[in-house]
Amino acid sequence: MNLDLLEEFLLIALDDNKGGFVIGTTALHYGFGGAVLLELALRNKIEIDGEKVLLKDSAMETELALNKAIELIRESKTRKVKDWIEILAKKAGDFKEDTLQRLTNKGVLSKEEHKILWIIPTQKFPTSNMNPEMKVRERLNDVVQRGKKAEPRDVMLLSLIDATDLTKEAFRNADDYKKIKARLSEVTKDVKISAAINKSLREIQTAIMIAITTTIVVTTITN
């Protein structure tokens, strides 16, 4: 089963049994905003000119979340990467729901209706098929703990994991998280390791990580 970057990020961020997210809303939404841009870049739909995002290919994809982003970029004036991160983070609720529905349709998640205080309706999405997520986790462990060469998609997902503080969740069976963090930094920032990543993708990745990290830090301080 093939998963896109939004689906992989969501599965790492979702509690398998409880069906809720293990990180706060700010980190989650900026993570989704970043995942959308990175997936579009991986598919060569967008590129960077200076600091601005240009739409190269406006053809629709199979994923509703990506199509919403493509339409936003197509209908908007030219903006910088950091501006698109802000815009897409505000739309992340829609991207999250689209991705949850897609994974439910694939049989990876199950949908449960609950009520908070027996009044307020809410939904949970526990994992019903662990195989796709386990394959993602195994792939990341191959890169981070076993030294396998990272592919562009691995680098992008690891960048999102690092920026949204999902490291302990992604590598929950690790013995030494300092080594994990050091390896993450090496994989996501060392151009030699990720030489297959083209200039536009690298610039998008860097801008996204700065935007997410800065926003999360500022939010934490102000709260």
N, C-alpha and C. Protein backbone atom coordinates (compact mmCIF):
# COMPACT_ATOMS: atom_id res chain seq x y z
N MET A 1 0.84 -1.20 0.00
CA MET A 1 0.00 0.00 0.00
C MET A 1 0.87 1.26 0.00
N ASN A 2 0.71 2.10 -1.01
CA ASN A 2 1.47 3.34 -1.09
C ASN A 2 0.79 4.44 -0.28
N LEU A 3 1.58 5.17 0.50
CA LEU A 3 1.08 6.28 1.30
C LEU A 3 1.79 7.55 0.88
N ASP A 4 1.07 8.68 0.89
CA ASP A 4 1.74 9.95 0.63
C ASP A 4 2.27 10.50 1.94
N LEU A 5 2.95 11.65 1.86
CA LEU A 5 3.61 12.22 3.03
C LEU A 5 2.61 12.63 4.11
N LEU A 6 1.44 13.10 3.71
CA LEU A 6 0.41 13.48 4.68
C LEU A 6 -0.04 12.26 5.47
N GLU A 7 -0.24 11.15 4.78
CA GLU A 7 -0.70 9.93 5.44
C GLU A 7 0.37 9.39 6.38
N GLU A 8 1.62 9.41 5.95
CA GLU A 8 2.70 8.91 6.80
C GLU A 8 2.85 9.77 8.04
N PHE A 9 2.82 11.09 7.87
CA PHE A 9 2.94 12.00 9.01
C PHE A 9 1.78 11.79 9.98
N LEU A 10 0.57 11.65 9.46
CA LEU A 10 -0.61 11.45 10.31
C LEU A 10 -0.49 10.17 11.12
N LEU A 11 -0.06 9.09 10.51
CA LEU A 11 0.04 7.81 11.22
C LEU A 11 1.06 7.88 12.35
N ILE A 12 2.15 8.60 12.14
CA ILE A 12 3.14 8.76 13.21
C ILE A 12 2.57 9.62 14.34
N ALA A 13 1.78 10.62 14.00
CA ALA A 13 1.25 11.56 14.99
C ALA A 13 0.01 11.06 15.71
N LEU A 14 -0.55 9.95 15.26
CA LEU A 14 -1.81 9.44 15.81
C LEU A 14 -1.54 8.31 16.80
N ASP A 15 -2.21 8.38 17.96
CA ASP A 15 -2.14 7.29 18.93
C ASP A 15 -2.88 6.08 18.35
N ASP A 16 -2.19 4.96 18.21
CA ASP A 16 -2.76 3.80 17.54
C ASP A 16 -4.01 3.26 18.21
N ASN A 17 -4.03 3.28 19.53
CA ASN A 17 -5.15 2.69 20.28
C ASN A 17 -6.25 3.69 20.60
N LYS A 18 -5.86 4.88 21.03
CA LYS A 18 -6.85 5.87 21.44
C LYS A 18 -7.46 6.62 20.26
N GLY A 19 -6.73 6.69 19.15
CA GLY A 19 -7.26 7.34 17.96
C GLY A 19 -7.23 8.85 17.99
N GLY A 20 -6.45 9.42 18.91
CA GLY A 20 -6.26 10.87 18.96
C GLY A 20 -4.81 11.22 18.68
N PHE A 21 -4.53 12.50 18.52
CA PHE A 21 -3.17 12.92 18.17
C PHE A 21 -2.31 13.13 19.40
N VAL A 22 -1.02 12.81 19.27
CA VAL A 22 -0.11 12.84 20.41
C VAL A 22 0.65 14.16 20.52
N ILE A 23 0.43 15.08 19.59
CA ILE A 23 1.06 16.41 19.66
C ILE A 23 -0.03 17.48 19.64
N GLY A 24 0.33 18.69 20.06
CA GLY A 24 -0.63 19.79 20.12
C GLY A 24 -1.10 20.25 18.75
N THR A 25 -2.17 21.02 18.75
CA THR A 25 -2.79 21.46 17.51
C THR A 25 -1.85 22.32 16.67
N THR A 26 -1.09 23.21 17.30
CA THR A 26 -0.19 24.09 16.54
C THR A 26 0.84 23.28 15.77
N ALA A 27 1.53 22.38 16.46
CA ALA A 27 2.53 21.54 15.80
C ALA A 27 1.90 20.67 14.73
N LEU A 28 0.73 20.12 15.04
CA LEU A 28 0.05 19.24 14.09
C LEU A 28 -0.33 19.99 12.82
N HIS A 29 -0.92 21.17 12.96
CA HIS A 29 -1.38 21.91 11.80
C HIS A 29 -0.22 22.44 10.96
N TYR A 30 0.84 22.90 11.60
CA TYR A 30 1.99 23.34 10.82
C TYR A 30 2.68 22.14 10.17
N GLY A 31 2.64 21.00 10.85
CA GLY A 31 3.16 19.79 10.24
C GLY A 31 2.40 19.40 8.99
N PHE A 32 1.07 19.52 9.04
CA PHE A 32 0.26 19.21 7.86
C PHE A 32 0.50 20.22 6.74
N GLY A 33 0.61 21.50 7.11
CA GLY A 33 0.91 22.51 6.10
C GLY A 33 2.23 22.22 5.41
N GLY A 34 3.23 21.83 6.20
CA GLY A 34 4.52 21.48 5.64
C GLY A 34 4.46 20.23 4.79
N ALA A 35 3.70 19.24 5.25
CA ALA A 35 3.58 17.99 4.51
C ALA A 35 2.95 18.20 3.14
N VAL A 36 1.96 19.09 3.07
CA VAL A 36 1.30 19.38 1.80
C VAL A 36 2.31 19.97 0.81
N LEU A 37 3.04 20.99 1.23
CA LEU A 37 4.02 21.62 0.33
C LEU A 37 5.11 20.65 -0.09
N LEU A 38 5.59 19.86 0.87
CA LEU A 38 6.65 18.91 0.57
C LEU A 38 6.18 17.83 -0.40
N GLU A 39 4.95 17.36 -0.23
CA GLU A 39 4.42 16.35 -1.14
C GLU A 39 4.28 16.92 -2.55
N LEU A 40 3.83 18.17 -2.65
CA LEU A 40 3.74 18.82 -3.96
C LEU A 40 5.13 18.97 -4.59
N ALA A 41 6.12 19.29 -3.76
CA ALA A 41 7.49 19.43 -4.27
C ALA A 41 8.04 18.08 -4.72
N LEU A 42 7.77 17.03 -3.93
CA LEU A 42 8.24 15.70 -4.30
C LEU A 42 7.65 15.24 -5.63
N ARG A 43 6.42 15.68 -5.90
CA ARG A 43 5.76 15.32 -7.16
C ARG A 43 6.07 16.30 -8.29
N ASN A 44 6.97 17.25 -8.00
CA ASN A 44 7.40 18.23 -9.00
C ASN A 44 6.23 19.12 -9.46
N LYS A 45 5.31 19.39 -8.54
CA LYS A 45 4.18 20.27 -8.84
C LYS A 45 4.53 21.74 -8.60
N ILE A 46 5.49 21.98 -7.69
CA ILE A 46 5.90 23.34 -7.37
C ILE A 46 7.42 23.44 -7.39
N GLU A 47 7.91 24.68 -7.50
CA GLU A 47 9.34 24.95 -7.41
C GLU A 47 9.55 26.29 -6.74
N ILE A 48 10.80 26.57 -6.38
CA ILE A 48 11.15 27.82 -5.72
C ILE A 48 11.89 28.73 -6.70
N ASP A 49 11.45 29.98 -6.77
CA ASP A 49 12.14 31.01 -7.54
C ASP A 49 12.47 32.13 -6.57
N GLY A 50 13.75 32.21 -6.19
CA GLY A 50 14.10 33.11 -5.10
C GLY A 50 13.58 32.50 -3.82
N GLU A 51 12.66 33.20 -3.15
CA GLU A 51 12.01 32.64 -1.96
C GLU A 51 10.55 32.31 -2.24
N LYS A 52 10.11 32.48 -3.48
CA LYS A 52 8.69 32.36 -3.79
C LYS A 52 8.34 31.01 -4.41
N VAL A 53 7.13 30.58 -4.11
CA VAL A 53 6.64 29.30 -4.61
C VAL A 53 5.94 29.52 -5.94
N LEU A 54 6.34 28.73 -6.94
CA LEU A 54 5.72 28.79 -8.26
C LEU A 54 5.06 27.45 -8.55
N LEU A 55 3.86 27.50 -9.09
CA LEU A 55 3.15 26.29 -9.47
C LEU A 55 3.61 25.86 -10.86
N LYS A 56 4.22 24.68 -10.95
CA LYS A 56 4.72 24.16 -12.22
C LYS A 56 3.67 23.34 -12.96
N ASP A 57 2.86 22.62 -12.20
CA ASP A 57 1.90 21.69 -12.78
C ASP A 57 0.60 21.77 -12.00
N SER A 58 -0.45 22.28 -12.63
CA SER A 58 -1.73 22.48 -11.95
C SER A 58 -2.70 21.31 -12.14
N ALA A 59 -2.25 20.25 -12.79
CA ALA A 59 -3.12 19.08 -12.98
C ALA A 59 -3.52 18.50 -11.63
N MET A 60 -4.77 18.07 -11.51
CA MET A 60 -5.27 17.55 -10.26
C MET A 60 -4.67 16.18 -9.94
N GLU A 61 -4.56 15.89 -8.66
CA GLU A 61 -4.06 14.61 -8.18
C GLU A 61 -5.24 13.78 -7.66
N THR A 62 -4.95 12.60 -7.16
CA THR A 62 -6.03 11.74 -6.64
C THR A 62 -6.44 12.14 -5.22
N GLU A 63 -5.56 12.85 -4.50
CA GLU A 63 -5.84 13.23 -3.12
C GLU A 63 -6.53 14.60 -3.06
N LEU A 64 -7.64 14.64 -2.36
CA LEU A 64 -8.42 15.87 -2.22
C LEU A 64 -7.61 16.96 -1.53
N ALA A 65 -6.84 16.60 -0.51
CA ALA A 65 -6.05 17.59 0.22
C ALA A 65 -5.06 18.29 -0.70
N LEU A 66 -4.39 17.54 -1.54
CA LEU A 66 -3.42 18.14 -2.46
C LEU A 66 -4.10 19.02 -3.50
N ASN A 67 -5.26 18.60 -3.96
CA ASN A 67 -6.00 19.40 -4.94
C ASN A 67 -6.44 20.74 -4.36
N LYS A 68 -6.82 20.74 -3.09
CA LYS A 68 -7.19 21.99 -2.42
C LYS A 68 -6.00 22.94 -2.38
N ALA A 69 -4.83 22.39 -2.09
CA ALA A 69 -3.62 23.22 -2.04
C ALA A 69 -3.24 23.73 -3.42
N ILE A 70 -3.34 22.88 -4.41
CA ILE A 70 -3.03 23.30 -5.79
C ILE A 70 -3.94 24.44 -6.22
N GLU A 71 -5.22 24.35 -5.89
CA GLU A 71 -6.17 25.41 -6.25
C GLU A 71 -5.84 26.71 -5.53
N LEU A 72 -5.47 26.61 -4.26
CA LEU A 72 -5.10 27.80 -3.50
C LEU A 72 -3.90 28.51 -4.13
N ILE A 73 -2.88 27.73 -4.49
CA ILE A 73 -1.66 28.31 -5.07
C ILE A 73 -1.96 28.89 -6.45
N ARG A 74 -2.75 28.18 -7.23
CA ARG A 74 -3.08 28.63 -8.59
C ARG A 74 -3.87 29.94 -8.58
N GLU A 75 -4.77 30.09 -7.61
CA GLU A 75 -5.66 31.25 -7.58
C GLU A 75 -5.09 32.42 -6.79
N SER A 76 -3.96 32.22 -6.14
CA SER A 76 -3.39 33.26 -5.30
C SER A 76 -2.27 34.00 -6.03
N LYS A 77 -1.92 35.15 -5.51
CA LYS A 77 -0.73 35.84 -6.00
C LYS A 77 0.50 35.05 -5.56
N THR A 78 1.63 35.34 -6.18
CA THR A 78 2.87 34.65 -5.84
C THR A 78 3.30 35.01 -4.42
N ARG A 79 3.59 33.99 -3.63
CA ARG A 79 3.95 34.21 -2.23
C ARG A 79 5.22 33.44 -1.87
N LYS A 80 5.83 33.84 -0.76
CA LYS A 80 7.01 33.16 -0.25
C LYS A 80 6.61 31.86 0.44
N VAL A 81 7.59 30.98 0.59
CA VAL A 81 7.34 29.69 1.24
C VAL A 81 6.75 29.88 2.64
N LYS A 82 7.36 30.80 3.41
CA LYS A 82 6.89 30.98 4.79
C LYS A 82 5.44 31.47 4.83
N ASP A 83 5.04 32.26 3.83
CA ASP A 83 3.65 32.72 3.78
C ASP A 83 2.71 31.57 3.48
N TRP A 84 3.14 30.66 2.59
CA TRP A 84 2.29 29.50 2.28
C TRP A 84 2.18 28.54 3.46
N ILE A 85 3.23 28.46 4.25
CA ILE A 85 3.15 27.62 5.45
C ILE A 85 2.06 28.14 6.38
N GLU A 86 2.02 29.46 6.55
CA GLU A 86 1.00 30.07 7.40
C GLU A 86 -0.40 29.81 6.85
N ILE A 87 -0.57 30.00 5.55
CA ILE A 87 -1.88 29.81 4.91
C ILE A 87 -2.33 28.36 5.01
N LEU A 88 -1.44 27.45 4.68
CA LEU A 88 -1.79 26.03 4.68
C LEU A 88 -2.02 25.50 6.09
N ALA A 89 -1.29 26.06 7.06
CA ALA A 89 -1.51 25.64 8.46
C ALA A 89 -2.91 26.02 8.91
N LYS A 90 -3.41 27.15 8.43
CA LYS A 90 -4.77 27.56 8.79
C LYS A 90 -5.82 26.67 8.12
N LYS A 91 -5.45 26.05 7.02
CA LYS A 91 -6.35 25.14 6.31
C LYS A 91 -6.13 23.69 6.73
N ALA A 92 -5.26 23.47 7.69
CA ALA A 92 -4.83 22.11 8.02
C ALA A 92 -5.95 21.25 8.57
N GLY A 93 -6.96 21.86 9.16
CA GLY A 93 -8.09 21.08 9.63
C GLY A 93 -8.74 20.29 8.50
N ASP A 94 -8.87 20.95 7.35
CA ASP A 94 -9.44 20.28 6.17
C ASP A 94 -8.51 19.18 5.67
N PHE A 95 -7.20 19.49 5.62
CA PHE A 95 -6.24 18.49 5.15
C PHE A 95 -6.24 17.27 6.06
N LYS A 96 -6.34 17.52 7.36
CA LYS A 96 -6.36 16.43 8.34
C LYS A 96 -7.58 15.54 8.14
N GLU A 97 -8.76 16.16 7.98
CA GLU A 97 -9.98 15.40 7.79
C GLU A 97 -9.94 14.59 6.49
N ASP A 98 -9.44 15.21 5.43
CA ASP A 98 -9.31 14.50 4.15
C ASP A 98 -8.40 13.28 4.28
N THR A 99 -7.30 13.47 5.00
CA THR A 99 -6.33 12.38 5.15
C THR A 99 -6.88 11.28 6.05
N LEU A 100 -7.57 11.65 7.12
CA LEU A 100 -8.21 10.66 7.99
C LEU A 100 -9.22 9.83 7.20
N GLN A 101 -10.00 10.51 6.37
CA GLN A 101 -11.01 9.81 5.59
C GLN A 101 -10.36 8.87 4.58
N ARG A 102 -9.26 9.32 3.97
CA ARG A 102 -8.59 8.49 2.98
C ARG A 102 -8.03 7.22 3.63
N LEU A 103 -7.44 7.37 4.82
CA LEU A 103 -6.89 6.21 5.51
C LEU A 103 -8.00 5.29 6.04
N THR A 104 -9.14 5.88 6.37
CA THR A 104 -10.29 5.06 6.78
C THR A 104 -10.81 4.26 5.59
N ASN A 105 -10.89 4.90 4.44
CA ASN A 105 -11.34 4.22 3.22
C ASN A 105 -10.41 3.07 2.83
N LYS A 106 -9.13 3.23 3.15
CA LYS A 106 -8.14 2.19 2.84
C LYS A 106 -8.15 1.05 3.86
N GLY A 107 -8.91 1.24 4.93
CA GLY A 107 -8.96 0.22 5.96
C GLY A 107 -7.82 0.29 6.97
N VAL A 108 -7.02 1.37 6.93
CA VAL A 108 -5.91 1.53 7.87
C VAL A 108 -6.42 2.01 9.22
N LEU A 109 -7.39 2.92 9.21
CA LEU A 109 -7.99 3.44 10.43
C LEU A 109 -9.46 3.05 10.50
N SER A 110 -9.99 3.03 11.71
CA SER A 110 -11.43 2.87 11.90
C SER A 110 -11.96 4.14 12.55
N LYS A 111 -13.19 4.48 12.26
CA LYS A 111 -13.79 5.71 12.76
C LYS A 111 -14.77 5.40 13.88
N GLU A 112 -14.59 6.07 15.02
CA GLU A 112 -15.46 5.87 16.18
C GLU A 112 -16.08 7.20 16.60
N GLU A 113 -17.35 7.18 16.89
CA GLU A 113 -18.06 8.37 17.38
C GLU A 113 -18.09 8.35 18.91
N HIS A 114 -17.69 9.46 19.53
CA HIS A 114 -17.69 9.59 20.98
C HIS A 114 -18.35 10.91 21.37
N LYS A 115 -18.58 11.07 22.67
CA LYS A 115 -19.11 12.34 23.19
C LYS A 115 -18.31 12.75 24.42
N ILE A 116 -17.94 14.03 24.45
CA ILE A 116 -17.25 14.60 25.59
C ILE A 116 -18.30 15.06 26.59
N LEU A 117 -18.19 14.59 27.83
CA LEU A 117 -19.17 14.89 28.88
C LEU A 117 -20.58 14.48 28.45
N TRP A 118 -20.66 13.43 27.63
CA TRP A 118 -21.93 12.87 27.16
C TRP A 118 -22.73 13.85 26.28
N ILE A 119 -22.11 14.96 25.88
CA ILE A 119 -22.85 15.99 25.12
C ILE A 119 -22.17 16.33 23.80
N ILE A 120 -20.88 16.71 23.88
CA ILE A 120 -20.17 17.24 22.71
C ILE A 120 -19.67 16.07 21.84
N PRO A 121 -20.13 15.98 20.58
CA PRO A 121 -19.69 14.88 19.72
C PRO A 121 -18.24 15.04 19.29
N THR A 122 -17.53 13.94 19.26
CA THR A 122 -16.15 13.94 18.80
C THR A 122 -15.87 12.61 18.12
N GLN A 123 -14.81 12.59 17.34
CA GLN A 123 -14.46 11.38 16.60
C GLN A 123 -13.04 10.92 16.95
N LYS A 124 -12.87 9.61 17.01
CA LYS A 124 -11.57 9.00 17.22
C LYS A 124 -11.27 8.08 16.04
N PHE A 125 -9.97 7.93 15.75
CA PHE A 125 -9.57 7.12 14.61
C PHE A 125 -8.47 6.13 15.01
N PRO A 126 -8.81 5.11 15.79
CA PRO A 126 -7.80 4.10 16.14
C PRO A 126 -7.34 3.31 14.92
N THR A 127 -6.14 2.80 15.00
CA THR A 127 -5.57 2.04 13.88
C THR A 127 -6.16 0.64 13.84
N SER A 128 -6.65 0.24 12.70
CA SER A 128 -7.21 -1.11 12.54
C SER A 128 -6.29 -2.03 11.74
N ASN A 129 -5.39 -1.45 10.97
CA ASN A 129 -4.40 -2.23 10.20
C ASN A 129 -3.03 -1.60 10.43
N MET A 130 -2.21 -2.24 11.24
CA MET A 130 -0.92 -1.67 11.62
C MET A 130 0.16 -1.82 10.55
N ASN A 131 -0.07 -2.67 9.57
CA ASN A 131 0.99 -2.98 8.60
C ASN A 131 1.55 -1.76 7.87
N PRO A 132 0.70 -0.86 7.31
CA PRO A 132 1.26 0.31 6.61
C PRO A 132 2.12 1.18 7.52
N GLU A 133 1.66 1.43 8.75
CA GLU A 133 2.44 2.25 9.67
C GLU A 133 3.74 1.56 10.05
N MET A 134 3.70 0.27 10.29
CA MET A 134 4.90 -0.45 10.67
C MET A 134 5.95 -0.42 9.56
N LYS A 135 5.50 -0.44 8.32
CA LYS A 135 6.43 -0.35 7.19
C LYS A 135 7.10 1.02 7.15
N VAL A 136 6.32 2.07 7.46
CA VAL A 136 6.89 3.42 7.52
C VAL A 136 7.93 3.51 8.63
N ARG A 137 7.56 3.01 9.80
CA ARG A 137 8.48 3.05 10.95
C ARG A 137 9.75 2.24 10.66
N GLU A 138 9.61 1.10 10.04
CA GLU A 138 10.76 0.27 9.71
C GLU A 138 11.68 0.98 8.73
N ARG A 139 11.09 1.66 7.76
CA ARG A 139 11.86 2.41 6.77
C ARG A 139 12.67 3.52 7.45
N LEU A 140 12.04 4.22 8.39
CA LEU A 140 12.73 5.30 9.10
C LEU A 140 13.82 4.75 10.01
N ASN A 141 13.55 3.61 10.65
CA ASN A 141 14.57 2.99 11.49
C ASN A 141 15.76 2.52 10.67
N ASP A 142 15.51 2.06 9.46
CA ASP A 142 16.61 1.66 8.57
C ASP A 142 17.56 2.83 8.32
N VAL A 143 16.98 4.01 8.13
CA VAL A 143 17.79 5.20 7.85
C VAL A 143 18.47 5.72 9.10
N VAL A 144 17.71 5.88 10.18
CA VAL A 144 18.21 6.57 11.37
C VAL A 144 19.05 5.66 12.26
N GLN A 145 18.64 4.41 12.43
CA GLN A 145 19.34 3.54 13.38
C GLN A 145 20.24 2.50 12.71
N ARG A 146 20.01 2.25 11.42
CA ARG A 146 20.82 1.22 10.76
C ARG A 146 21.70 1.77 9.65
N GLY A 147 21.64 3.09 9.45
CA GLY A 147 22.56 3.74 8.52
C GLY A 147 22.26 3.59 7.06
N LYS A 148 21.04 3.18 6.72
CA LYS A 148 20.69 3.05 5.31
C LYS A 148 20.60 4.43 4.65
N LYS A 149 20.94 4.51 3.37
CA LYS A 149 20.88 5.79 2.67
C LYS A 149 19.45 6.32 2.62
N ALA A 150 19.29 7.58 2.94
CA ALA A 150 17.96 8.20 2.97
C ALA A 150 17.52 8.62 1.57
N GLU A 151 16.31 8.27 1.22
CA GLU A 151 15.69 8.76 -0.01
C GLU A 151 15.03 10.11 0.27
N PRO A 152 14.77 10.92 -0.77
CA PRO A 152 14.15 12.23 -0.54
C PRO A 152 12.90 12.19 0.33
N ARG A 153 12.02 11.21 0.11
CA ARG A 153 10.80 11.12 0.92
C ARG A 153 11.12 10.85 2.39
N ASP A 154 12.15 10.05 2.64
CA ASP A 154 12.56 9.80 4.02
C ASP A 154 13.02 11.08 4.69
N VAL A 155 13.83 11.85 3.97
CA VAL A 155 14.37 13.11 4.52
C VAL A 155 13.23 14.07 4.85
N MET A 156 12.24 14.17 3.96
CA MET A 156 11.14 15.09 4.18
C MET A 156 10.31 14.68 5.42
N LEU A 157 10.02 13.39 5.54
CA LEU A 157 9.24 12.92 6.68
C LEU A 157 10.02 13.09 7.98
N LEU A 158 11.29 12.79 7.96
CA LEU A 158 12.12 12.96 9.16
C LEU A 158 12.22 14.42 9.55
N SER A 159 12.24 15.31 8.57
CA SER A 159 12.26 16.75 8.86
C SER A 159 10.99 17.17 9.61
N LEU A 160 9.84 16.68 9.14
CA LEU A 160 8.57 16.99 9.80
C LEU A 160 8.53 16.42 11.21
N ILE A 161 9.02 15.21 11.37
CA ILE A 161 9.06 14.56 12.68
C ILE A 161 9.93 15.37 13.64
N ASP A 162 11.08 15.80 13.16
CA ASP A 162 12.00 16.58 13.99
C ASP A 162 11.40 17.93 14.38
N ALA A 163 10.83 18.63 13.41
CA ALA A 163 10.31 19.98 13.65
C ALA A 163 9.08 19.98 14.55
N THR A 164 8.27 18.93 14.51
CA THR A 164 7.04 18.89 15.31
C THR A 164 7.19 18.09 16.59
N ASP A 165 8.44 17.78 16.94
CA ASP A 165 8.74 17.09 18.21
C ASP A 165 8.06 15.73 18.31
N LEU A 166 8.11 14.97 17.23
CA LEU A 166 7.55 13.63 17.20
C LEU A 166 8.64 12.55 17.28
N THR A 167 9.85 12.94 17.64
CA THR A 167 10.96 11.99 17.59
C THR A 167 10.74 10.79 18.50
N LYS A 168 10.33 11.03 19.74
CA LYS A 168 10.13 9.92 20.67
C LYS A 168 8.98 9.02 20.24
N GLU A 169 7.99 9.60 19.59
CA GLU A 169 6.87 8.80 19.10
C GLU A 169 7.28 7.98 17.88
N ALA A 170 8.05 8.59 16.99
CA ALA A 170 8.47 7.90 15.78
C ALA A 170 9.45 6.77 16.08
N PHE A 171 10.29 6.98 17.12
CA PHE A 171 11.30 5.98 17.48
C PHE A 171 11.09 5.56 18.94
N ARG A 172 9.89 5.11 19.24
CA ARG A 172 9.49 4.86 20.63
C ARG A 172 10.20 3.69 21.29
N ASN A 173 10.87 2.86 20.51
CA ASN A 173 11.61 1.73 21.09
C ASN A 173 13.11 1.98 21.17
N ALA A 174 13.52 3.20 20.87
CA ALA A 174 14.95 3.53 20.88
C ALA A 174 15.48 3.62 22.31
N ASP A 175 16.76 3.31 22.47
CA ASP A 175 17.39 3.35 23.80
C ASP A 175 18.05 4.69 24.08
N ASP A 176 18.53 5.36 23.06
CA ASP A 176 19.30 6.59 23.24
C ASP A 176 18.77 7.67 22.29
N TYR A 177 17.94 8.56 22.83
CA TYR A 177 17.33 9.59 21.98
C TYR A 177 18.31 10.68 21.59
N LYS A 178 19.38 10.85 22.33
CA LYS A 178 20.40 11.82 21.93
C LYS A 178 21.04 11.39 20.61
N LYS A 179 21.30 10.09 20.48
CA LYS A 179 21.86 9.58 19.24
C LYS A 179 20.85 9.71 18.10
N ILE A 180 19.58 9.44 18.42
CA ILE A 180 18.53 9.57 17.41
C ILE A 180 18.46 11.01 16.90
N LYS A 181 18.45 11.98 17.83
CA LYS A 181 18.37 13.39 17.45
C LYS A 181 19.59 13.80 16.61
N ALA A 182 20.75 13.31 17.01
CA ALA A 182 21.97 13.64 16.27
C ALA A 182 21.91 13.08 14.85
N ARG A 183 21.42 11.86 14.73
CA ARG A 183 21.30 11.24 13.40
C ARG A 183 20.24 11.95 12.56
N LEU A 184 19.14 12.36 13.20
CA LEU A 184 18.11 13.12 12.49
C LEU A 184 18.69 14.39 11.90
N SER A 185 19.46 15.10 12.71
CA SER A 185 20.09 16.34 12.25
C SER A 185 21.02 16.06 11.08
N GLU A 186 21.75 14.97 11.16
CA GLU A 186 22.68 14.59 10.10
C GLU A 186 21.94 14.29 8.81
N VAL A 187 20.88 13.52 8.92
CA VAL A 187 20.13 13.09 7.73
C VAL A 187 19.40 14.25 7.08
N THR A 188 18.78 15.10 7.88
CA THR A 188 17.94 16.15 7.33
C THR A 188 18.71 17.40 6.90
N LYS A 189 19.94 17.54 7.35
CA LYS A 189 20.69 18.77 7.04
C LYS A 189 21.96 18.54 6.23
N ASP A 190 22.44 17.32 6.17
CA ASP A 190 23.68 17.04 5.46
C ASP A 190 23.39 16.82 3.98
N VAL A 191 23.86 17.74 3.15
CA VAL A 191 23.60 17.68 1.71
C VAL A 191 24.21 16.43 1.09
N LYS A 192 25.34 15.95 1.64
CA LYS A 192 25.99 14.77 1.10
C LYS A 192 25.08 13.55 1.21
N ILE A 193 24.40 13.43 2.36
CA ILE A 193 23.52 12.28 2.57
C ILE A 193 22.29 12.38 1.69
N SER A 194 21.77 13.60 1.54
CA SER A 194 20.54 13.78 0.77
C SER A 194 20.83 14.45 -0.57
N ALA A 195 21.85 13.97 -1.24
CA ALA A 195 22.28 14.58 -2.50
C ALA A 195 21.22 14.47 -3.59
N ALA A 196 20.32 13.49 -3.44
CA ALA A 196 19.28 13.30 -4.46
C ALA A 196 18.21 14.39 -4.41
N ILE A 197 18.22 15.18 -3.37
CA ILE A 197 17.22 16.23 -3.22
C ILE A 197 17.62 17.44 -4.06
N ASN A 198 16.72 17.86 -4.94
CA ASN A 198 17.06 19.00 -5.79
C ASN A 198 16.97 20.32 -5.03
N LYS A 199 17.43 21.38 -5.65
CA LYS A 199 17.55 22.68 -4.97
C LYS A 199 16.20 23.19 -4.48
N SER A 200 15.16 23.11 -5.30
CA SER A 200 13.84 23.61 -4.89
C SER A 200 13.32 22.84 -3.69
N LEU A 201 13.47 21.53 -3.73
CA LEU A 201 12.97 20.70 -2.62
C LEU A 201 13.74 21.00 -1.35
N ARG A 202 15.04 21.18 -1.46
CA ARG A 202 15.85 21.51 -0.29
C ARG A 202 15.45 22.87 0.27
N GLU A 203 15.19 23.86 -0.58
CA GLU A 203 14.79 25.19 -0.11
C GLU A 203 13.43 25.14 0.56
N ILE A 204 12.51 24.39 0.00
CA ILE A 204 11.19 24.24 0.61
C ILE A 204 11.31 23.57 1.97
N GLN A 205 12.09 22.50 2.01
CA GLN A 205 12.29 21.79 3.27
C GLN A 205 12.85 22.73 4.34
N THR A 206 13.89 23.47 4.00
CA THR A 206 14.53 24.37 4.96
C THR A 206 13.57 25.45 5.45
N ALA A 207 12.83 26.07 4.52
CA ALA A 207 11.89 27.12 4.89
C ALA A 207 10.78 26.58 5.78
N ILE A 208 10.31 25.38 5.48
CA ILE A 208 9.24 24.78 6.27
C ILE A 208 9.71 24.50 7.69
N MET A 209 10.90 23.94 7.81
CA MET A 209 11.40 23.61 9.14
C MET A 209 11.60 24.85 9.99
N ILE A 210 12.10 25.92 9.36
CA ILE A 210 12.28 27.19 10.10
C ILE A 210 10.92 27.74 10.53
N ALA A 211 9.95 27.73 9.62
CA ALA A 211 8.62 28.27 9.93
C ALA A 211 7.94 27.48 11.04
N ILE A 212 7.99 26.17 10.95
CA ILE A 212 7.33 25.33 11.96
C ILE A 212 8.00 25.50 13.31
N THR A 213 9.33 25.39 13.33
CA THR A 213 10.06 25.48 14.59
C THR A 213 9.87 26.82 15.25
N THR A 214 9.97 27.90 14.46
CA THR A 214 9.81 29.26 15.01
C THR A 214 8.42 29.45 15.59
N THR A 215 7.40 29.02 14.87
CA THR A 215 6.01 29.19 15.32
C THR A 215 5.75 28.43 16.60
N ILE A 216 6.24 27.20 16.67
CA ILE A 216 6.02 26.38 17.86
C ILE A 216 6.71 26.98 19.08
N VAL A 217 7.94 27.50 18.88
CA VAL A 217 8.67 28.12 19.98
C VAL A 217 7.96 29.37 20.47
N VAL A 218 7.52 30.22 19.53
CA VAL A 218 6.82 31.46 19.90
C VAL A 218 5.51 31.14 20.62
N THR A 219 4.77 30.16 20.14
CA THR A 219 3.52 29.78 20.77
C THR A 219 3.73 29.27 22.18
N THR A 220 4.80 28.48 22.37
CA THR A 220 5.10 27.93 23.69
C THR A 220 5.45 29.04 24.67
N ILE A 221 6.24 30.03 24.20
CA ILE A 221 6.65 31.14 25.07
C ILE A 221 5.45 32.01 25.47
N THR A 222 4.61 32.34 24.50
CA THR A 222 3.46 33.23 24.77
C THR A 222 2.41 32.56 25.63
N ASN A 223 2.36 31.23 25.59
CA ASN A 223 1.39 30.52 26.42
C ASN A 223 1.92 30.25 27.83
